[in-house]
């Protein structure tokens, strides 16, 4: 089994379960987890690059729109 077989298997599994995956990504649980992760990453990034806080918040908010239900 090569890497192509693994990738194709993953693609097929996703296509067969697309509705379940989409539902999970836009659930309340995903929202809570993603908020914690995104907040942690944003806080770290602000410590590393304090002058880019506004841009970091913008990127964090855009990412948050893609995951969860809020």
C-alpha atoms as a PDB file:
ATOM      1  CA  UNK A   1       0.000   0.000   0.000  1.00  0.00           C
ATOM      2  CA  UNK A   2       1.528   3.284  -1.113  1.00  0.00           C
ATOM      3  CA  UNK A   3       0.906   6.855  -0.094  1.00  0.00           C
ATOM      4  CA  UNK A   4      -1.467   7.329  -3.027  1.00  0.00           C
ATOM      5  CA  UNK A   5      -3.624   4.471  -1.736  1.00  0.00           C
ATOM      6  CA  UNK A   6      -3.766   6.081   1.700  1.00  0.00           C
ATOM      7  CA  UNK A   7      -4.654   9.498   0.278  1.00  0.00           C
ATOM      8  CA  UNK A   8      -7.324   8.037  -2.001  1.00  0.00           C
ATOM      9  CA  UNK A   9      -8.739   6.012   0.878  1.00  0.00           C
ATOM     10  CA  UNK A  10      -8.959   9.143   3.014  1.00  0.00           C
ATOM     11  CA  UNK A  11     -10.649  11.059   0.205  1.00  0.00           C
ATOM     12  CA  UNK A  12     -13.190   8.270  -0.264  1.00  0.00           C
ATOM     13  CA  UNK A  13     -13.863   8.086   3.478  1.00  0.00           C
ATOM     14  CA  UNK A  14     -14.409  11.843   3.572  1.00  0.00           C
ATOM     15  CA  UNK A  15     -16.794  11.779   0.610  1.00  0.00           C
ATOM     16  CA  UNK A  16     -18.802   8.934   2.181  1.00  0.00           C
ATOM     17  CA  UNK A  17     -19.056  10.798   5.507  1.00  0.00           C
ATOM     18  CA  UNK A  18     -19.106  14.383   4.287  1.00  0.00           C
ATOM     19  CA  UNK A  19     -22.371  15.259   6.058  1.00  0.00           C
ATOM     20  CA  UNK A  20     -21.120  13.892   9.381  1.00  0.00           C
ATOM     21  CA  UNK A  21     -17.792  15.724   9.017  1.00  0.00           C
ATOM     22  CA  UNK A  22     -19.508  19.005   8.176  1.00  0.00           C
ATOM     23  CA  UNK A  23     -21.876  18.545  11.110  1.00  0.00           C
ATOM     24  CA  UNK A  24     -18.989  17.922  13.487  1.00  0.00           C
ATOM     25  CA  UNK A  25     -17.051  20.949  12.230  1.00  0.00           C
ATOM     26  CA  UNK A  26     -20.031  23.215  12.816  1.00  0.00           C
ATOM     27  CA  UNK A  27     -21.054  21.865  16.225  1.00  0.00           C
ATOM     28  CA  UNK A  28     -21.055  23.580  19.615  1.00  0.00           C
ATOM     29  CA  UNK A  29     -18.261  21.271  20.784  1.00  0.00           C
ATOM     30  CA  UNK A  30     -16.081  22.221  17.805  1.00  0.00           C
ATOM     31  CA  UNK A  31     -16.787  25.891  18.546  1.00  0.00           C
ATOM     32  CA  UNK A  32     -15.639  25.579  22.149  1.00  0.00           C
ATOM     33  CA  UNK A  33     -12.475  23.665  21.268  1.00  0.00           C
ATOM     34  CA  UNK A  34     -11.571  25.863  18.318  1.00  0.00           C
ATOM     35  CA  UNK A  35     -12.045  29.031  20.391  1.00  0.00           C
ATOM     36  CA  UNK A  36      -9.604  27.742  23.014  1.00  0.00           C
ATOM     37  CA  UNK A  37      -7.034  26.688  20.423  1.00  0.00           C
ATOM     38  CA  UNK A  38      -7.337  29.857  18.349  1.00  0.00           C
ATOM     39  CA  UNK A  39      -7.145  32.073  21.443  1.00  0.00           C
ATOM     40  CA  UNK A  40      -4.010  30.262  22.617  1.00  0.00           C
ATOM     41  CA  UNK A  41      -2.324  30.540  19.237  1.00  0.00           C
ATOM     42  CA  UNK A  42      -3.289  34.212  18.913  1.00  0.00           C
ATOM     43  CA  UNK A  43      -1.980  35.017  22.402  1.00  0.00           C
ATOM     44  CA  UNK A  44       1.317  33.304  21.631  1.00  0.00           C
ATOM     45  CA  UNK A  45       1.618  35.092  18.291  1.00  0.00           C
ATOM     46  CA  UNK A  46       1.008  38.452  19.996  1.00  0.00           C
ATOM     47  CA  UNK A  47       3.860  37.743  22.404  1.00  0.00           C
ATOM     48  CA  UNK A  48       6.177  36.919  19.507  1.00  0.00           C
ATOM     49  CA  UNK A  49       5.023  39.824  17.330  1.00  0.00           C
ATOM     50  CA  UNK A  50       3.344  42.403  19.587  1.00  0.00           C
ATOM     51  CA  UNK A  51       3.213  45.001  16.821  1.00  0.00           C
ATOM     52  CA  UNK A  52       0.946  42.763  14.734  1.00  0.00           C
ATOM     53  CA  UNK A  53      -1.833  42.306  17.298  1.00  0.00           C
ATOM     54  CA  UNK A  54      -4.559  43.764  15.065  1.00  0.00           C
ATOM     55  CA  UNK A  55      -3.606  41.544  12.119  1.00  0.00           C
ATOM     56  CA  UNK A  56      -3.362  38.492  14.410  1.00  0.00           C
ATOM     57  CA  UNK A  57      -6.885  39.178  15.734  1.00  0.00           C
ATOM     58  CA  UNK A  58      -8.148  39.542  12.172  1.00  0.00           C
ATOM     59  CA  UNK A  59      -6.642  36.213  11.126  1.00  0.00           C
ATOM     60  CA  UNK A  60      -7.925  34.517  14.287  1.00  0.00           C
ATOM     61  CA  UNK A  61     -11.457  35.765  13.660  1.00  0.00           C
ATOM     62  CA  UNK A  62     -11.419  34.649  10.029  1.00  0.00           C
ATOM     63  CA  UNK A  63     -10.267  31.170  11.062  1.00  0.00           C
ATOM     64  CA  UNK A  64     -12.980  31.048  13.746  1.00  0.00           C
ATOM     65  CA  UNK A  65     -15.686  31.690  11.151  1.00  0.00           C
ATOM     66  CA  UNK A  66     -14.719  28.440   9.396  1.00  0.00           C
ATOM     67  CA  UNK A  67     -15.074  26.193  12.462  1.00  0.00           C
ATOM     68  CA  UNK A  68     -17.946  25.795  14.871  1.00  0.00           C
ATOM     69  CA  UNK A  69     -21.353  27.353  14.865  1.00  0.00           C
ATOM     70  CA  UNK A  70     -20.653  31.003  15.711  1.00  0.00           C
END
